[in-house]
Amino acid sequence: MKQLDNTTPYQACEYDKNVRLTIPFYELFHTETIDLVKAMKPDAKAWFDTGCGTAYLVENALPHFPRTAFVLADPSQAMLNEAKRRLQNIQPERVKFLDSAATEGLRGNLSPQPEVITAIMCHHYLMPEKRWDATAVCFNLLAQQGLYVTFENIRPHCEETVKLSLERWKRFQISKGRDISAVEEHVKRFNKEYFPITVDEHLDLLKSCGFRVAELFWYSQMQAGFYAIK
């Protein structure tokens, strides 16, 4: 088996194509995030996207925020390489890349201090203690009154609904033409290669890290989006 170059089930160069066959409403995670930021921080001067992947979010955000500078980070160098290729024609003053690093491993401060931080489909790979560390890093990096937005895979509240939700997830992937054996392997990753928590646990986590506001703003099947204000 070919060794993967990131924590997702796909090589970085194949991620954009395959994630849409795997995650229902994947593109909505990004349009909803951009719409939320436009409503709450339309004049943000600095936006930090951690776990940036191939920079799909930032590419789509750039036209909507012409006076915003973006900083991107990801633990996978292969993902960063894809992101840099995607944004290679963007003015360097608009986009800056950090060296490969997981959120929980980031040290120091960003200048200017970001008024927006996003973490889209990246922290559910972390075990509880490191997930708290990653969220606390985002809180500490964020400017006062700043906005934090995260989307993650979600764990339903009981085992019966976990089974039902996983069955619906399998049916979605099969409807997109994925091989049944590949779909079965993907479902087996639940709570073994990524570690989802419930909506209530997410909200408690955000509050325990110091955010004064924490809200669920998008939820479908086994994915959810949250925002928090420092």
C-alpha atoms as a PDB file:
ATOM      1  CA  MET A   1       0.000   0.000   0.000  1.00  0.00           C
ATOM      2  CA  LYS A   2       1.275   3.443  -0.936  1.00  0.00           C
ATOM      3  CA  GLN A   3       2.184   5.520   2.114  1.00  0.00           C
ATOM      4  CA  LEU A   4      -0.014   8.579   2.509  1.00  0.00           C
ATOM      5  CA  ASP A   5       1.516  12.051   2.709  1.00  0.00           C
ATOM      6  CA  ASN A   6      -1.103  13.513   5.082  1.00  0.00           C
ATOM      7  CA  THR A   7      -3.717  12.424   7.639  1.00  0.00           C
ATOM      8  CA  THR A   8      -6.606  12.146   5.155  1.00  0.00           C
ATOM      9  CA  PRO A   9      -7.257   8.884   3.272  1.00  0.00           C
ATOM     10  CA  TYR A  10      -5.974  10.446   0.013  1.00  0.00           C
ATOM     11  CA  GLN A  11      -2.662  11.653  -1.316  1.00  0.00           C
ATOM     12  CA  ALA A  12      -2.474  15.449  -1.292  1.00  0.00           C
ATOM     13  CA  CYS A  13      -2.422  15.636  -5.099  1.00  0.00           C
ATOM     14  CA  GLU A  14      -5.662  13.616  -5.246  1.00  0.00           C
ATOM     15  CA  TYR A  15      -7.443  15.200  -2.295  1.00  0.00           C
ATOM     16  CA  ASP A  16      -9.578  17.790  -4.089  1.00  0.00           C
ATOM     17  CA  LYS A  17     -11.007  15.222  -6.481  1.00  0.00           C
ATOM     18  CA  ASN A  18     -11.740  12.561  -3.880  1.00  0.00           C
ATOM     19  CA  VAL A  19     -13.002  14.590  -0.928  1.00  0.00           C
ATOM     20  CA  ARG A  20     -16.114  15.595  -2.891  1.00  0.00           C
ATOM     21  CA  LEU A  21     -16.909  11.908  -3.417  1.00  0.00           C
ATOM     22  CA  THR A  22     -16.537  11.271   0.303  1.00  0.00           C
ATOM     23  CA  ILE A  23     -17.947  14.208   2.283  1.00  0.00           C
ATOM     24  CA  PRO A  24     -21.559  15.351   1.708  1.00  0.00           C
ATOM     25  CA  PHE A  25     -21.920  19.108   1.118  1.00  0.00           C
ATOM     26  CA  TYR A  26     -18.148  19.593   1.289  1.00  0.00           C
ATOM     27  CA  GLU A  27     -18.164  22.808  -0.741  1.00  0.00           C
ATOM     28  CA  LEU A  28     -20.816  24.279   1.554  1.00  0.00           C
ATOM     29  CA  PHE A  29     -18.337  24.166   4.447  1.00  0.00           C
ATOM     30  CA  HIS A  30     -16.344  26.810   2.624  1.00  0.00           C
ATOM     31  CA  THR A  31     -19.176  28.960   1.285  1.00  0.00           C
ATOM     32  CA  GLU A  32     -20.843  28.980   4.704  1.00  0.00           C
ATOM     33  CA  THR A  33     -17.556  29.923   6.374  1.00  0.00           C
ATOM     34  CA  ILE A  34     -16.976  32.777   3.937  1.00  0.00           C
ATOM     35  CA  ASP A  35     -20.542  34.014   4.373  1.00  0.00           C
ATOM     36  CA  LEU A  36     -20.177  33.967   8.165  1.00  0.00           C
ATOM     37  CA  VAL A  37     -16.920  35.920   8.036  1.00  0.00           C
ATOM     38  CA  LYS A  38     -18.473  38.445   5.632  1.00  0.00           C
ATOM     39  CA  ALA A  39     -21.269  38.982   8.148  1.00  0.00           C
ATOM     40  CA  MET A  40     -19.066  39.221  11.241  1.00  0.00           C
ATOM     41  CA  LYS A  41     -15.604  40.365  10.134  1.00  0.00           C
ATOM     42  CA  PRO A  42     -15.968  41.914   6.648  1.00  0.00           C
ATOM     43  CA  ASP A  43     -12.998  44.250   7.157  1.00  0.00           C
ATOM     44  CA  ALA A  44     -10.610  41.757   8.728  1.00  0.00           C
ATOM     45  CA  LYS A  45      -7.007  42.675   8.002  1.00  0.00           C
ATOM     46  CA  ALA A  46      -5.554  39.270   8.902  1.00  0.00           C
ATOM     47  CA  TRP A  47      -6.965  35.740   8.533  1.00  0.00           C
ATOM     48  CA  PHE A  48      -5.141  32.589   9.628  1.00  0.00           C
ATOM     49  CA  ASP A  49      -6.194  29.260   8.088  1.00  0.00           C
ATOM     50  CA  THR A  50      -4.762  26.278   9.950  1.00  0.00           C
ATOM     51  CA  GLY A  51      -4.974  22.804   8.459  1.00  0.00           C
ATOM     52  CA  CYS A  52      -5.278  24.653   5.152  1.00  0.00           C
ATOM     53  CA  GLY A  53      -4.993  21.551   2.990  1.00  0.00           C
ATOM     54  CA  THR A  54      -4.846  22.525  -0.675  1.00  0.00           C
ATOM     55  CA  ALA A  55      -5.966  26.131   0.067  1.00  0.00           C
ATOM     56  CA  TYR A  56      -9.419  25.720  -1.451  1.00  0.00           C
ATOM     57  CA  LEU A  57     -10.945  27.914   1.277  1.00  0.00           C
ATOM     58  CA  VAL A  58      -8.418  30.716   0.882  1.00  0.00           C
ATOM     59  CA  GLU A  59      -8.658  30.665  -2.913  1.00  0.00           C
ATOM     60  CA  ASN A  60     -12.413  31.195  -2.629  1.00  0.00           C
ATOM     61  CA  ALA A  61     -12.131  33.787   0.151  1.00  0.00           C
ATOM     62  CA  LEU A  62      -9.575  36.027  -1.566  1.00  0.00           C
ATOM     63  CA  PRO A  63     -11.996  37.819  -3.972  1.00  0.00           C
ATOM     64  CA  HIS A  64     -14.428  38.551  -1.127  1.00  0.00           C
ATOM     65  CA  PHE A  65     -11.790  40.094   1.163  1.00  0.00           C
ATOM     66  CA  PRO A  66      -9.552  42.282  -1.034  1.00  0.00           C
ATOM     67  CA  ARG A  67      -7.918  44.025   1.955  1.00  0.00           C
ATOM     68  CA  THR A  68      -7.258  40.856   3.953  1.00  0.00           C
ATOM     69  CA  ALA A  69      -3.859  39.159   4.265  1.00  0.00           C
ATOM     70  CA  PHE A  70      -3.975  35.375   4.699  1.00  0.00           C
ATOM     71  CA  VAL A  71      -1.554  33.128   6.589  1.00  0.00           C
ATOM     72  CA  LEU A  72      -1.749  29.379   5.924  1.00  0.00           C
ATOM     73  CA  ALA A  73      -0.434  26.387   7.869  1.00  0.00           C
ATOM     74  CA  ASP A  74      -0.745  22.613   7.561  1.00  0.00           C
ATOM     75  CA  PRO A  75       1.059  19.654   9.151  1.00  0.00           C
ATOM     76  CA  SER A  76       1.589  18.065   5.717  1.00  0.00           C
ATOM     77  CA  GLN A  77       4.299  19.472   3.489  1.00  0.00           C
ATOM     78  CA  ALA A  78       2.625  17.761   0.533  1.00  0.00           C
ATOM     79  CA  MET A  79      -0.596  19.654   1.245  1.00  0.00           C
ATOM     80  CA  LEU A  80       1.340  22.913   1.541  1.00  0.00           C
ATOM     81  CA  ASN A  81       2.963  22.217  -1.818  1.00  0.00           C
ATOM     82  CA  GLU A  82      -0.477  21.789  -3.386  1.00  0.00           C
ATOM     83  CA  ALA A  83      -1.671  24.993  -1.679  1.00  0.00           C
ATOM     84  CA  LYS A  84       1.311  26.939  -2.968  1.00  0.00           C
ATOM     85  CA  ARG A  85       0.649  25.719  -6.508  1.00  0.00           C
ATOM     86  CA  ARG A  86      -2.992  26.760  -6.225  1.00  0.00           C
ATOM     87  CA  LEU A  87      -2.103  30.268  -5.033  1.00  0.00           C
ATOM     88  CA  GLN A  88       1.089  30.769  -7.035  1.00  0.00           C
ATOM     89  CA  ASN A  89      -0.326  33.745  -8.943  1.00  0.00           C
ATOM     90  CA  ILE A  90      -1.555  35.614  -5.869  1.00  0.00           C
ATOM     91  CA  GLN A  91       0.443  38.658  -4.764  1.00  0.00           C
ATOM     92  CA  PRO A  92       2.887  37.641  -2.005  1.00  0.00           C
ATOM     93  CA  GLU A  93       1.627  40.376   0.320  1.00  0.00           C
ATOM     94  CA  ARG A  94      -1.798  38.703   0.281  1.00  0.00           C
ATOM     95  CA  VAL A  95      -0.687  35.173   1.158  1.00  0.00           C
ATOM     96  CA  LYS A  96       1.988  33.827   3.511  1.00  0.00           C
ATOM     97  CA  PHE A  97       2.788  30.193   4.294  1.00  0.00           C
ATOM     98  CA  LEU A  98       4.191  28.931   7.581  1.00  0.00           C
ATOM     99  CA  ASP A  99       6.494  25.926   7.710  1.00  0.00           C
ATOM    100  CA  SER A 100       4.636  22.619   8.027  1.00  0.00           C
ATOM    101  CA  ALA A 101       3.164  22.387  11.517  1.00  0.00           C
ATOM    102  CA  ALA A 102       0.116  21.011  13.268  1.00  0.00           C
ATOM    103  CA  THR A 103      -2.025  23.581  15.052  1.00  0.00           C
ATOM    104  CA  GLU A 104      -1.155  22.273  18.501  1.00  0.00           C
ATOM    105  CA  GLY A 105       2.551  22.587  17.677  1.00  0.00           C
ATOM    106  CA  LEU A 106       2.455  26.265  16.691  1.00  0.00           C
ATOM    107  CA  ARG A 107       4.514  28.553  18.905  1.00  0.00           C
ATOM    108  CA  GLY A 108       4.814  32.320  19.250  1.00  0.00           C
ATOM    109  CA  ASN A 109       2.499  34.938  17.801  1.00  0.00           C
ATOM    110  CA  LEU A 110       1.371  36.053  14.373  1.00  0.00           C
ATOM    111  CA  SER A 111       1.788  39.629  13.236  1.00  0.00           C
ATOM    112  CA  PRO A 112      -0.579  41.193  12.532  1.00  0.00           C
ATOM    113  CA  GLN A 113      -2.728  39.321  15.020  1.00  0.00           C
ATOM    114  CA  PRO A 114      -5.469  37.492  13.091  1.00  0.00           C
ATOM    115  CA  GLU A 115      -9.033  38.692  13.464  1.00  0.00           C
ATOM    116  CA  VAL A 116     -10.238  35.452  11.851  1.00  0.00           C
ATOM    117  CA  ILE A 117      -8.944  31.912  12.346  1.00  0.00           C
ATOM    118  CA  THR A 118     -10.367  28.939  10.448  1.00  0.00           C
ATOM    119  CA  ALA A 119      -9.780  25.213  10.941  1.00  0.00           C
ATOM    120  CA  ILE A 120     -11.748  23.242   8.370  1.00  0.00           C
ATOM    121  CA  MET A 121     -11.872  19.443   8.713  1.00  0.00           C
ATOM    122  CA  CYS A 122      -8.528  19.093  10.471  1.00  0.00           C
ATOM    123  CA  HIS A 123      -8.800  18.845  14.287  1.00  0.00           C
ATOM    124  CA  HIS A 124     -10.926  15.691  14.351  1.00  0.00           C
ATOM    125  CA  TYR A 125      -7.711  13.748  13.715  1.00  0.00           C
ATOM    126  CA  LEU A 126      -6.530  14.676  17.214  1.00  0.00           C
ATOM    127  CA  MET A 127      -7.017  12.820  20.471  1.00  0.00           C
ATOM    128  CA  PRO A 128      -8.833  14.801  23.225  1.00  0.00           C
ATOM    129  CA  GLU A 129      -5.815  16.398  24.916  1.00  0.00           C
ATOM    130  CA  LYS A 130      -4.231  17.530  21.651  1.00  0.00           C
ATOM    131  CA  ARG A 131      -7.592  18.728  20.344  1.00  0.00           C
ATOM    132  CA  TRP A 132      -7.861  20.968  23.408  1.00  0.00           C
ATOM    133  CA  ASP A 133      -4.278  22.147  22.835  1.00  0.00           C
ATOM    134  CA  ALA A 134      -5.031  22.980  19.175  1.00  0.00           C
ATOM    135  CA  THR A 135      -8.158  24.936  20.086  1.00  0.00           C
ATOM    136  CA  ALA A 136      -6.306  26.780  22.860  1.00  0.00           C
ATOM    137  CA  VAL A 137      -3.570  27.754  20.378  1.00  0.00           C
ATOM    138  CA  CYS A 138      -6.244  29.246  18.101  1.00  0.00           C
ATOM    139  CA  PHE A 139      -7.733  31.137  21.049  1.00  0.00           C
ATOM    140  CA  ASN A 140      -4.349  32.530  22.053  1.00  0.00           C
ATOM    141  CA  LEU A 141      -3.405  33.564  18.520  1.00  0.00           C
ATOM    142  CA  LEU A 142      -6.724  35.293  17.879  1.00  0.00           C
ATOM    143  CA  ALA A 143      -7.219  39.021  18.419  1.00  0.00           C
ATOM    144  CA  GLN A 144      -9.727  40.174  21.027  1.00  0.00           C
ATOM    145  CA  GLN A 145     -13.258  40.013  19.594  1.00  0.00           C
ATOM    146  CA  GLY A 146     -11.813  37.759  16.908  1.00  0.00           C
ATOM    147  CA  LEU A 147     -13.784  35.014  15.141  1.00  0.00           C
ATOM    148  CA  TYR A 148     -12.853  31.320  15.145  1.00  0.00           C
ATOM    149  CA  VAL A 149     -14.606  28.967  12.694  1.00  0.00           C
ATOM    150  CA  THR A 150     -14.207  25.204  12.557  1.00  0.00           C
ATOM    151  CA  PHE A 151     -15.850  22.352  10.658  1.00  0.00           C
ATOM    152  CA  GLU A 152     -15.339  18.762  11.766  1.00  0.00           C
ATOM    153  CA  ASN A 153     -16.672  15.255  11.542  1.00  0.00           C
ATOM    154  CA  ILE A 154     -19.144  14.733  14.381  1.00  0.00           C
ATOM    155  CA  ARG A 155     -19.992  11.808  16.627  1.00  0.00           C
ATOM    156  CA  PRO A 156     -23.742  11.271  17.140  1.00  0.00           C
ATOM    157  CA  HIS A 157     -24.922  10.969  20.725  1.00  0.00           C
ATOM    158  CA  CYS A 158     -25.559   7.205  20.919  1.00  0.00           C
ATOM    159  CA  GLU A 159     -24.316   4.021  19.267  1.00  0.00           C
ATOM    160  CA  GLU A 160     -27.629   3.427  17.484  1.00  0.00           C
ATOM    161  CA  THR A 161     -27.411   6.769  15.695  1.00  0.00           C
ATOM    162  CA  VAL A 162     -23.703   6.265  15.015  1.00  0.00           C
ATOM    163  CA  LYS A 163     -24.592   3.108  13.047  1.00  0.00           C
ATOM    164  CA  LEU A 164     -27.417   4.860  11.207  1.00  0.00           C
ATOM    165  CA  SER A 165     -25.238   7.843  10.340  1.00  0.00           C
ATOM    166  CA  LEU A 166     -22.399   5.660   9.092  1.00  0.00           C
ATOM    167  CA  GLU A 167     -24.851   3.725   6.927  1.00  0.00           C
ATOM    168  CA  ARG A 168     -26.081   6.988   5.374  1.00  0.00           C
ATOM    169  CA  TRP A 169     -22.456   8.038   4.820  1.00  0.00           C
ATOM    170  CA  LYS A 170     -21.767   4.750   3.029  1.00  0.00           C
ATOM    171  CA  ARG A 171     -24.819   5.248   0.805  1.00  0.00           C
ATOM    172  CA  PHE A 172     -23.682   8.754  -0.126  1.00  0.00           C
ATOM    173  CA  GLN A 173     -20.232   7.568  -1.187  1.00  0.00           C
ATOM    174  CA  ILE A 174     -21.626   4.660  -3.193  1.00  0.00           C
ATOM    175  CA  SER A 175     -24.021   7.075  -4.947  1.00  0.00           C
ATOM    176  CA  LYS A 176     -20.948   9.067  -6.031  1.00  0.00           C
ATOM    177  CA  GLY A 177     -19.488   5.998  -7.714  1.00  0.00           C
ATOM    178  CA  ARG A 178     -16.947   4.960  -5.096  1.00  0.00           C
ATOM    179  CA  ASP A 179     -16.062   1.277  -4.920  1.00  0.00           C
ATOM    180  CA  ILE A 180     -17.960  -0.555  -2.174  1.00  0.00           C
ATOM    181  CA  SER A 181     -14.804  -2.062  -0.674  1.00  0.00           C
ATOM    182  CA  ALA A 182     -13.179   1.387  -0.532  1.00  0.00           C
ATOM    183  CA  VAL A 183     -16.288   2.769   1.154  1.00  0.00           C
ATOM    184  CA  GLU A 184     -16.217  -0.009   3.742  1.00  0.00           C
ATOM    185  CA  GLU A 185     -12.575   0.768   4.506  1.00  0.00           C
ATOM    186  CA  HIS A 186     -13.356   4.449   4.812  1.00  0.00           C
ATOM    187  CA  VAL A 187     -16.139   3.851   7.338  1.00  0.00           C
ATOM    188  CA  LYS A 188     -13.784   1.718   9.434  1.00  0.00           C
ATOM    189  CA  ARG A 189     -11.664   4.809  10.034  1.00  0.00           C
ATOM    190  CA  PHE A 190     -14.334   6.143  12.429  1.00  0.00           C
ATOM    191  CA  ASN A 191     -12.850   6.504  15.928  1.00  0.00           C
ATOM    192  CA  LYS A 192      -9.653   4.746  14.793  1.00  0.00           C
ATOM    193  CA  GLU A 193      -7.947   7.158  12.379  1.00  0.00           C
ATOM    194  CA  TYR A 194     -10.021  10.190  13.307  1.00  0.00           C
ATOM    195  CA  PHE A 195     -11.756  10.838  16.608  1.00  0.00           C
ATOM    196  CA  PRO A 196     -15.040  12.756  16.360  1.00  0.00           C
ATOM    197  CA  ILE A 197     -16.795  14.235  19.366  1.00  0.00           C
ATOM    198  CA  THR A 198     -20.418  15.273  19.846  1.00  0.00           C
ATOM    199  CA  VAL A 199     -21.841  18.729  19.227  1.00  0.00           C
ATOM    200  CA  ASP A 200     -22.208  19.305  22.968  1.00  0.00           C
ATOM    201  CA  GLU A 201     -18.582  18.309  23.550  1.00  0.00           C
ATOM    202  CA  HIS A 202     -17.480  20.753  20.848  1.00  0.00           C
ATOM    203  CA  LEU A 203     -19.322  23.626  22.479  1.00  0.00           C
ATOM    204  CA  ASP A 204     -17.925  22.708  25.903  1.00  0.00           C
ATOM    205  CA  LEU A 205     -14.422  22.529  24.423  1.00  0.00           C
ATOM    206  CA  LEU A 206     -14.672  26.004  22.912  1.00  0.00           C
ATOM    207  CA  LYS A 207     -15.909  27.480  26.180  1.00  0.00           C
ATOM    208  CA  SER A 208     -13.259  25.690  28.227  1.00  0.00           C
ATOM    209  CA  CYS A 209     -10.564  27.267  26.036  1.00  0.00           C
ATOM    210  CA  GLY A 210     -11.864  30.722  26.951  1.00  0.00           C
ATOM    211  CA  PHE A 211     -14.196  31.731  24.124  1.00  0.00           C
ATOM    212  CA  ARG A 212     -17.005  33.941  25.442  1.00  0.00           C
ATOM    213  CA  VAL A 213     -19.370  32.892  22.616  1.00  0.00           C
ATOM    214  CA  ALA A 214     -19.609  29.394  21.121  1.00  0.00           C
ATOM    215  CA  GLU A 215     -22.315  28.376  18.662  1.00  0.00           C
ATOM    216  CA  LEU A 216     -23.268  25.611  16.262  1.00  0.00           C
ATOM    217  CA  PHE A 217     -24.136  27.210  12.906  1.00  0.00           C
ATOM    218  CA  TRP A 218     -24.219  24.323  10.413  1.00  0.00           C
ATOM    219  CA  TYR A 219     -24.987  20.607  10.854  1.00  0.00           C
ATOM    220  CA  SER A 220     -25.765  17.798   8.423  1.00  0.00           C
ATOM    221  CA  GLN A 221     -25.321  14.054   8.798  1.00  0.00           C
ATOM    222  CA  MET A 222     -21.882  13.553  10.419  1.00  0.00           C
ATOM    223  CA  GLN A 223     -20.339  16.992   9.837  1.00  0.00           C
ATOM    224  CA  ALA A 224     -20.877  20.262  11.673  1.00  0.00           C
ATOM    225  CA  GLY A 225     -19.631  23.835  11.697  1.00  0.00           C
ATOM    226  CA  PHE A 226     -19.056  25.961  14.806  1.00  0.00           C
ATOM    227  CA  TYR A 227     -18.028  29.521  15.440  1.00  0.00           C
ATOM    228  CA  ALA A 228     -16.627  31.139  18.550  1.00  0.00           C
ATOM    229  CA  ILE A 229     -15.783  34.701  19.555  1.00  0.00           C
ATOM    230  CA  LYS A 230     -12.908  35.645  21.825  1.00  0.00           C
END
